[in-house]
Amino acid sequence: MKRFVIYFTTTLVIGLLFLGLIVMEFRIENHYRDQFMVVPMVTANTVLPIIMGIVLGAPRLYHTVTKEGVWRYDWVKVLAISLPLLYVTMLPLLTILGIMPGVLSPPWLFQSADSYLPISGLILGFTVISNLYKR
């Protein structure tokens, strides 16, 4: 019964955090869309899924913190998974800011951004935080 309460409470807290982040993203989009400011909208759409991924990895980090041992970080896994995801996640923002020319952006970038950006951001945030461990 104790495990159920812990899992249920964790699920509720994560769900409420997700709901708060989604509401915040919606408000940011509505506010800046009315003013025709694209950069804050794209920044919110880029950063908030990464924060959501970190929130998803927080219970695992809590479990790791309670263990004894020396802190380690799996750099190989993080770099192998996170670098491509960071590129995909940040590509719209880098293109809009003018850091990366639009010529280098793939043609599918803005056509399907609603589907791949949140997923890549979630995986990126989760990967970054979940590869901390103790040995």
Protein backbone atom coordinates (compact mmCIF):
# COMPACT_ATOMS: atom_id res chain seq x y z
CA MET A 1 0.00 0.00 0.00
CA LYS A 2 2.88 2.35 0.80
CA ARG A 3 4.38 1.88 -2.68
CA PHE A 4 1.02 2.63 -4.28
CA VAL A 5 0.72 5.90 -2.36
CA ILE A 6 4.27 6.92 -3.33
CA TYR A 7 3.73 6.11 -7.03
CA PHE A 8 0.31 7.74 -7.08
CA THR A 9 1.57 10.90 -5.36
CA THR A 10 4.56 11.10 -7.71
CA THR A 11 2.26 10.72 -10.71
CA LEU A 12 -0.04 13.46 -9.43
CA VAL A 13 2.85 15.84 -8.76
CA ILE A 14 4.39 15.23 -12.20
CA GLY A 15 0.97 15.58 -13.82
CA LEU A 16 0.34 18.89 -12.06
CA LEU A 17 3.80 20.15 -13.04
CA PHE A 18 3.12 19.16 -16.65
CA LEU A 19 -0.26 20.88 -16.55
CA GLY A 20 1.36 24.04 -15.17
CA LEU A 21 4.04 24.00 -17.87
CA ILE A 22 1.47 23.44 -20.61
CA VAL A 23 -0.68 26.30 -19.32
CA MET A 24 2.41 28.51 -19.14
CA GLU A 25 3.36 27.61 -22.71
CA PHE A 26 -0.19 28.34 -23.89
CA ARG A 27 -0.19 31.74 -22.18
CA ILE A 28 3.23 32.63 -23.60
CA GLU A 29 2.11 31.67 -27.10
CA ASN A 30 -1.13 33.66 -26.86
CA HIS A 31 0.56 36.72 -25.41
CA TYR A 32 3.37 36.91 -27.96
CA ARG A 33 1.25 35.80 -30.92
CA ASP A 34 -0.93 38.86 -30.40
CA GLN A 35 2.19 41.05 -30.54
CA PHE A 36 3.67 39.18 -33.53
CA MET A 37 6.83 38.27 -31.58
CA VAL A 38 8.06 34.90 -32.82
CA VAL A 39 11.29 34.49 -30.84
CA PRO A 40 9.68 34.19 -27.36
CA MET A 41 7.11 31.73 -28.72
CA VAL A 42 9.73 29.50 -30.32
CA THR A 43 11.94 29.76 -27.23
CA ALA A 44 9.06 28.59 -25.04
CA ASN A 45 8.26 25.76 -27.46
CA THR A 46 11.91 24.72 -27.36
CA VAL A 47 12.72 25.03 -23.66
CA LEU A 48 9.52 23.83 -21.98
CA PRO A 49 9.64 20.24 -23.38
CA ILE A 50 13.23 19.97 -22.13
CA ILE A 51 12.06 21.05 -18.67
CA MET A 52 9.27 18.46 -18.88
CA GLY A 53 11.85 15.77 -19.65
CA ILE A 54 13.87 16.84 -16.63
CA VAL A 55 10.72 16.64 -14.50
CA LEU A 56 10.14 13.10 -15.80
CA GLY A 57 13.67 12.14 -14.77
CA ALA A 58 13.45 13.74 -11.32
CA PRO A 59 12.07 10.63 -9.51
CA ARG A 60 15.00 8.59 -10.78
CA LEU A 61 17.39 11.31 -9.63
CA TYR A 62 15.75 11.29 -6.20
CA HIS A 63 16.24 7.53 -6.01
CA THR A 64 19.91 7.99 -6.96
CA VAL A 65 20.44 10.72 -4.37
CA THR A 66 19.32 8.38 -1.58
CA LYS A 67 21.95 5.76 -2.51
CA GLU A 68 25.47 5.62 -1.14
CA GLY A 69 28.44 5.97 -3.47
CA VAL A 70 30.39 8.29 -5.68
CA TRP A 71 28.57 10.40 -8.27
CA ARG A 72 29.13 9.39 -11.89
CA TYR A 73 27.81 10.67 -15.20
CA ASP A 74 27.56 8.54 -18.33
CA TRP A 75 29.04 11.05 -20.78
CA VAL A 76 29.16 8.64 -23.70
CA LYS A 77 25.44 7.89 -23.53
CA VAL A 78 24.55 11.54 -22.95
CA LEU A 79 26.64 12.78 -25.87
CA ALA A 80 25.52 10.02 -28.23
CA ILE A 81 21.84 10.60 -27.51
CA SER A 82 21.69 14.27 -26.53
CA LEU A 83 23.75 15.93 -29.26
CA PRO A 84 21.48 14.87 -32.15
CA LEU A 85 18.41 15.65 -30.02
CA LEU A 86 19.83 19.04 -29.06
CA TYR A 87 20.37 19.83 -32.74
CA VAL A 88 16.83 18.80 -33.68
CA THR A 89 15.29 20.58 -30.69
CA MET A 90 17.20 23.85 -31.12
CA LEU A 91 17.08 24.02 -34.93
CA PRO A 92 13.93 26.19 -35.19
CA LEU A 93 15.24 28.61 -32.58
CA LEU A 94 18.68 28.83 -34.18
CA THR A 95 17.12 29.42 -37.57
CA ILE A 96 14.80 32.17 -36.36
CA LEU A 97 17.60 33.89 -34.42
CA GLY A 98 19.73 33.87 -37.57
CA ILE A 99 22.52 31.82 -35.99
CA MET A 100 22.00 29.02 -38.49
CA PRO A 101 21.05 30.01 -42.02
CA GLY A 102 17.77 28.67 -43.32
CA VAL A 103 19.63 26.99 -46.16
CA LEU A 104 21.13 24.52 -43.66
CA SER A 105 17.73 23.71 -42.19
CA PRO A 106 15.99 20.65 -43.60
CA PRO A 107 12.83 21.34 -45.60
CA TRP A 108 10.63 19.40 -43.18
CA LEU A 109 11.68 21.64 -40.29
CA PHE A 110 8.67 23.89 -40.01
CA GLN A 111 6.15 21.53 -41.59
CA SER A 112 6.13 18.97 -38.77
CA ALA A 113 7.64 20.94 -35.86
CA ASP A 114 4.56 20.36 -33.71
CA SER A 115 5.16 16.62 -33.67
CA TYR A 116 8.92 16.20 -33.33
CA LEU A 117 9.93 19.17 -31.15
CA PRO A 118 8.11 18.16 -27.96
CA ILE A 119 9.20 14.54 -28.30
CA SER A 120 12.85 15.37 -28.89
CA GLY A 121 12.80 17.91 -26.06
CA LEU A 122 11.29 15.40 -23.63
CA ILE A 123 13.85 12.75 -24.51
CA LEU A 124 16.68 15.29 -24.30
CA GLY A 125 15.69 16.49 -20.83
CA PHE A 126 15.15 12.97 -19.56
CA THR A 127 18.48 11.77 -20.94
CA VAL A 128 20.43 14.64 -19.45
CA ILE A 129 19.09 14.12 -15.93
CA SER A 130 18.70 10.35 -15.85
CA ASN A 131 22.36 9.57 -16.58
CA LEU A 132 23.52 10.73 -13.17
CA TYR A 133 24.21 7.71 -11.02
CA LYS A 134 26.22 6.56 -8.02
CA ARG A 135 28.64 3.71 -8.02
